[in-house]
Amino acid sequence: MTCLRNVAAALALLSAISAPRLACADPCQLEISGNDQMQYDKPLLSVPASCTQVTLRLHHTGKLPREAMGHNWVLVNAADFNAVVTAGMAAGLANDYVQPADKRVLAHTRIIGAGQTVSVTFATSILKPGGDYRYLCTFPGHNALMRGTLKFG
């Protein structure tokens, strides 16, 4: 019985040594998806205050093209949400439904369609810990469903 326990312990030790190490997710790298039902897969994204910059990756999981069901990811202060929506509609698809040089837009991706992925990287110096931040898709009409909260700090 002692020999069996020793063999079992040795096997456990060997498997622990040779097992692949699990990688921890980088909290400064965010991912979110949008679909043809005008939904993001995450209503909340969190970024720790220790991040000096954030990279957000948006993936379009639907089947429709950007002209029909395009999605972007736009970060704003909560107080600027409606104004950015209105300005984005006027900006049009050529500008990714984001008004050029709009200071109310803290970060944004371009509009993408079915199967595409896009990223945006931004400095967290534009954010205040505990601030009230929202993200949305500015494709006309999508913000009714495609919206969420970004927590920083």
C-alpha atoms as a PDB file:
ATOM      1  CA  MET A   1       0.000   0.000   0.000  1.00  0.00           C
ATOM      2  CA  THR A   2       2.864   2.392   0.817  1.00  0.00           C
ATOM      3  CA  CYS A   3       4.432   1.676  -2.568  1.00  0.00           C
ATOM      4  CA  LEU A   4       1.137   2.484  -4.317  1.00  0.00           C
ATOM      5  CA  ARG A   5       0.895   5.803  -2.447  1.00  0.00           C
ATOM      6  CA  ASN A   6       4.472   6.698  -3.383  1.00  0.00           C
ATOM      7  CA  VAL A   7       3.821   5.935  -7.050  1.00  0.00           C
ATOM      8  CA  ALA A   8       0.619   8.005  -6.988  1.00  0.00           C
ATOM      9  CA  ALA A   9       2.449  10.914  -5.359  1.00  0.00           C
ATOM     10  CA  ALA A  10       5.261  10.718  -7.899  1.00  0.00           C
ATOM     11  CA  LEU A  11       2.774  10.700 -10.790  1.00  0.00           C
ATOM     12  CA  ALA A  12       0.946  13.689  -9.339  1.00  0.00           C
ATOM     13  CA  LEU A  13       4.224  15.580  -8.978  1.00  0.00           C
ATOM     14  CA  LEU A  14       5.330  14.741 -12.526  1.00  0.00           C
ATOM     15  CA  SER A  15       2.002  15.806 -14.025  1.00  0.00           C
ATOM     16  CA  ALA A  16       2.147  19.104 -12.114  1.00  0.00           C
ATOM     17  CA  ILE A  17       5.637  19.800 -13.412  1.00  0.00           C
ATOM     18  CA  SER A  18       4.915  18.919 -17.020  1.00  0.00           C
ATOM     19  CA  ALA A  19       1.382  20.376 -17.190  1.00  0.00           C
ATOM     20  CA  PRO A  20       1.083  23.481 -19.373  1.00  0.00           C
ATOM     21  CA  ARG A  21       0.890  26.668 -17.392  1.00  0.00           C
ATOM     22  CA  LEU A  22      -2.409  28.456 -17.574  1.00  0.00           C
ATOM     23  CA  ALA A  23      -2.103  31.986 -18.873  1.00  0.00           C
ATOM     24  CA  CYS A  24      -3.944  34.690 -16.972  1.00  0.00           C
ATOM     25  CA  ALA A  25      -6.059  37.056 -19.020  1.00  0.00           C
ATOM     26  CA  ASP A  26      -4.635  40.553 -19.303  1.00  0.00           C
ATOM     27  CA  PRO A  27      -7.153  42.880 -17.600  1.00  0.00           C
ATOM     28  CA  CYS A  28      -6.021  45.709 -19.916  1.00  0.00           C
ATOM     29  CA  GLN A  29      -7.153  43.720 -22.991  1.00  0.00           C
ATOM     30  CA  LEU A  30     -10.932  43.681 -23.463  1.00  0.00           C
ATOM     31  CA  GLU A  31     -13.041  41.749 -25.955  1.00  0.00           C
ATOM     32  CA  ILE A  32     -16.647  42.232 -26.969  1.00  0.00           C
ATOM     33  CA  SER A  33     -18.822  40.895 -29.789  1.00  0.00           C
ATOM     34  CA  GLY A  34     -21.813  42.266 -31.659  1.00  0.00           C
ATOM     35  CA  ASN A  35     -24.353  40.214 -33.625  1.00  0.00           C
ATOM     36  CA  ASP A  36     -27.102  40.608 -36.234  1.00  0.00           C
ATOM     37  CA  GLN A  37     -29.688  40.987 -33.455  1.00  0.00           C
ATOM     38  CA  MET A  38     -28.067  44.318 -32.491  1.00  0.00           C
ATOM     39  CA  GLN A  39     -26.617  43.009 -29.232  1.00  0.00           C
ATOM     40  CA  TYR A  40     -23.244  43.203 -27.579  1.00  0.00           C
ATOM     41  CA  ASP A  41     -22.334  40.062 -25.660  1.00  0.00           C
ATOM     42  CA  LYS A  42     -21.269  42.076 -22.595  1.00  0.00           C
ATOM     43  CA  PRO A  43     -23.278  44.766 -20.789  1.00  0.00           C
ATOM     44  CA  LEU A  44     -20.344  45.639 -18.513  1.00  0.00           C
ATOM     45  CA  LEU A  45     -16.610  45.971 -19.075  1.00  0.00           C
ATOM     46  CA  SER A  46     -14.149  46.633 -16.237  1.00  0.00           C
ATOM     47  CA  VAL A  47     -10.640  48.050 -16.354  1.00  0.00           C
ATOM     48  CA  PRO A  48      -8.428  48.196 -13.263  1.00  0.00           C
ATOM     49  CA  ALA A  49      -6.805  51.522 -12.394  1.00  0.00           C
ATOM     50  CA  SER A  50      -3.399  49.850 -12.802  1.00  0.00           C
ATOM     51  CA  CYS A  51      -3.845  49.822 -16.606  1.00  0.00           C
ATOM     52  CA  THR A  52      -2.132  52.744 -18.343  1.00  0.00           C
ATOM     53  CA  GLN A  53      -3.763  51.861 -21.632  1.00  0.00           C
ATOM     54  CA  VAL A  54      -6.578  49.607 -22.787  1.00  0.00           C
ATOM     55  CA  THR A  55      -7.012  47.678 -25.989  1.00  0.00           C
ATOM     56  CA  LEU A  56     -10.567  46.746 -26.871  1.00  0.00           C
ATOM     57  CA  ARG A  57     -11.227  44.185 -29.598  1.00  0.00           C
ATOM     58  CA  LEU A  58     -14.658  44.140 -31.252  1.00  0.00           C
ATOM     59  CA  HIS A  59     -15.766  41.104 -33.244  1.00  0.00           C
ATOM     60  CA  HIS A  60     -18.886  41.029 -35.477  1.00  0.00           C
ATOM     61  CA  THR A  61     -20.359  37.534 -35.126  1.00  0.00           C
ATOM     62  CA  GLY A  62     -23.251  38.104 -37.541  1.00  0.00           C
ATOM     63  CA  LYS A  63     -23.669  37.386 -41.243  1.00  0.00           C
ATOM     64  CA  LEU A  64     -24.759  40.794 -42.574  1.00  0.00           C
ATOM     65  CA  PRO A  65     -22.437  43.378 -44.196  1.00  0.00           C
ATOM     66  CA  ARG A  66     -21.397  46.636 -42.561  1.00  0.00           C
ATOM     67  CA  GLU A  67     -23.756  48.662 -44.769  1.00  0.00           C
ATOM     68  CA  ALA A  68     -26.793  46.742 -43.470  1.00  0.00           C
ATOM     69  CA  MET A  69     -25.801  45.734 -39.922  1.00  0.00           C
ATOM     70  CA  GLY A  70     -22.471  47.386 -39.160  1.00  0.00           C
ATOM     71  CA  HIS A  71     -21.219  47.738 -35.610  1.00  0.00           C
ATOM     72  CA  ASN A  72     -18.672  49.893 -33.885  1.00  0.00           C
ATOM     73  CA  TRP A  73     -17.703  50.488 -30.262  1.00  0.00           C
ATOM     74  CA  VAL A  74     -17.749  54.071 -29.019  1.00  0.00           C
ATOM     75  CA  LEU A  75     -16.782  55.172 -25.494  1.00  0.00           C
ATOM     76  CA  VAL A  76     -18.304  58.343 -24.016  1.00  0.00           C
ATOM     77  CA  ASN A  77     -19.024  60.012 -20.709  1.00  0.00           C
ATOM     78  CA  ALA A  78     -22.575  59.017 -19.747  1.00  0.00           C
ATOM     79  CA  ALA A  79     -23.699  62.658 -19.933  1.00  0.00           C
ATOM     80  CA  ASP A  80     -22.634  62.838 -23.611  1.00  0.00           C
ATOM     81  CA  PHE A  81     -24.410  59.667 -24.758  1.00  0.00           C
ATOM     82  CA  ASN A  82     -27.398  61.209 -26.575  1.00  0.00           C
ATOM     83  CA  ALA A  83     -25.407  64.047 -28.133  1.00  0.00           C
ATOM     84  CA  VAL A  84     -22.869  61.593 -29.569  1.00  0.00           C
ATOM     85  CA  VAL A  85     -25.704  59.433 -30.973  1.00  0.00           C
ATOM     86  CA  THR A  86     -27.241  62.426 -32.754  1.00  0.00           C
ATOM     87  CA  ALA A  87     -23.900  63.673 -34.085  1.00  0.00           C
ATOM     88  CA  GLY A  88     -22.998  60.169 -35.243  1.00  0.00           C
ATOM     89  CA  MET A  89     -26.132  59.799 -37.356  1.00  0.00           C
ATOM     90  CA  ALA A  90     -25.265  63.024 -39.163  1.00  0.00           C
ATOM     91  CA  ALA A  91     -21.657  61.865 -39.691  1.00  0.00           C
ATOM     92  CA  GLY A  92     -22.712  58.891 -41.828  1.00  0.00           C
ATOM     93  CA  LEU A  93     -21.140  55.555 -42.691  1.00  0.00           C
ATOM     94  CA  ALA A  94     -18.153  57.199 -44.413  1.00  0.00           C
ATOM     95  CA  ASN A  95     -17.160  58.526 -40.961  1.00  0.00           C
ATOM     96  CA  ASP A  96     -18.139  55.329 -39.113  1.00  0.00           C
ATOM     97  CA  TYR A  97     -21.141  57.186 -37.631  1.00  0.00           C
ATOM     98  CA  VAL A  98     -18.761  59.212 -35.449  1.00  0.00           C
ATOM     99  CA  GLN A  99     -18.467  62.955 -35.989  1.00  0.00           C
ATOM    100  CA  PRO A 100     -14.825  63.701 -36.916  1.00  0.00           C
ATOM    101  CA  ALA A 101     -12.865  65.350 -34.077  1.00  0.00           C
ATOM    102  CA  ASP A 102     -15.818  65.023 -31.646  1.00  0.00           C
ATOM    103  CA  LYS A 103     -14.200  65.727 -28.258  1.00  0.00           C
ATOM    104  CA  ARG A 104     -17.059  63.928 -26.506  1.00  0.00           C
ATOM    105  CA  VAL A 105     -15.912  60.623 -28.044  1.00  0.00           C
ATOM    106  CA  LEU A 106     -13.217  59.178 -25.782  1.00  0.00           C
ATOM    107  CA  ALA A 107     -12.369  56.202 -28.026  1.00  0.00           C
ATOM    108  CA  HIS A 108     -13.960  54.359 -30.921  1.00  0.00           C
ATOM    109  CA  THR A 109     -13.511  51.662 -33.522  1.00  0.00           C
ATOM    110  CA  ARG A 110     -14.485  51.824 -37.161  1.00  0.00           C
ATOM    111  CA  ILE A 111     -17.710  50.195 -38.386  1.00  0.00           C
ATOM    112  CA  ILE A 112     -17.301  46.491 -39.217  1.00  0.00           C
ATOM    113  CA  GLY A 113     -19.514  43.836 -40.795  1.00  0.00           C
ATOM    114  CA  ALA A 114     -19.963  40.074 -40.684  1.00  0.00           C
ATOM    115  CA  GLY A 115     -16.937  38.121 -39.496  1.00  0.00           C
ATOM    116  CA  GLN A 116     -14.692  41.154 -39.119  1.00  0.00           C
ATOM    117  CA  THR A 117     -12.685  42.187 -36.078  1.00  0.00           C
ATOM    118  CA  VAL A 118     -11.310  45.611 -35.188  1.00  0.00           C
ATOM    119  CA  SER A 119      -9.347  46.998 -32.223  1.00  0.00           C
ATOM    120  CA  VAL A 120      -8.831  50.333 -30.576  1.00  0.00           C
ATOM    121  CA  THR A 121      -6.163  51.207 -28.004  1.00  0.00           C
ATOM    122  CA  PHE A 122      -6.495  54.240 -25.771  1.00  0.00           C
ATOM    123  CA  ALA A 123      -4.720  55.717 -22.761  1.00  0.00           C
ATOM    124  CA  THR A 124      -6.535  55.478 -19.443  1.00  0.00           C
ATOM    125  CA  SER A 125      -5.354  58.999 -18.604  1.00  0.00           C
ATOM    126  CA  ILE A 126      -8.622  60.140 -20.257  1.00  0.00           C
ATOM    127  CA  LEU A 127     -10.588  58.231 -17.581  1.00  0.00           C
ATOM    128  CA  LYS A 128     -11.181  58.974 -13.914  1.00  0.00           C
ATOM    129  CA  PRO A 129     -11.553  56.130 -11.423  1.00  0.00           C
ATOM    130  CA  GLY A 130     -15.231  55.763 -10.602  1.00  0.00           C
ATOM    131  CA  GLY A 131     -16.294  57.902 -13.587  1.00  0.00           C
ATOM    132  CA  ASP A 132     -19.595  57.266 -15.354  1.00  0.00           C
ATOM    133  CA  TYR A 133     -18.684  55.853 -18.790  1.00  0.00           C
ATOM    134  CA  ARG A 134     -20.888  54.263 -21.428  1.00  0.00           C
ATOM    135  CA  TYR A 135     -20.125  52.439 -24.631  1.00  0.00           C
ATOM    136  CA  LEU A 136     -22.441  52.082 -27.599  1.00  0.00           C
ATOM    137  CA  CYS A 137     -22.776  51.294 -31.269  1.00  0.00           C
ATOM    138  CA  THR A 138     -23.517  54.495 -33.195  1.00  0.00           C
ATOM    139  CA  PHE A 139     -24.894  52.779 -36.319  1.00  0.00           C
ATOM    140  CA  PRO A 140     -28.363  54.403 -36.615  1.00  0.00           C
ATOM    141  CA  GLY A 141     -30.848  52.811 -34.229  1.00  0.00           C
ATOM    142  CA  HIS A 142     -28.415  50.313 -32.710  1.00  0.00           C
ATOM    143  CA  ASN A 143     -27.753  52.230 -29.491  1.00  0.00           C
ATOM    144  CA  ALA A 144     -31.226  51.335 -28.218  1.00  0.00           C
ATOM    145  CA  LEU A 145     -29.899  47.818 -27.565  1.00  0.00           C
ATOM    146  CA  MET A 146     -26.148  48.029 -28.106  1.00  0.00           C
ATOM    147  CA  ARG A 147     -24.952  49.858 -25.045  1.00  0.00           C
ATOM    148  CA  GLY A 148     -23.104  49.108 -21.865  1.00  0.00           C
ATOM    149  CA  THR A 149     -21.099  50.474 -18.961  1.00  0.00           C
ATOM    150  CA  LEU A 150     -17.333  50.715 -18.654  1.00  0.00           C
ATOM    151  CA  LYS A 151     -16.021  50.774 -15.098  1.00  0.00           C
ATOM    152  CA  PHE A 152     -12.540  52.142 -14.489  1.00  0.00           C
ATOM    153  CA  GLY A 153     -10.659  51.767 -11.227  1.00  0.00           C
END
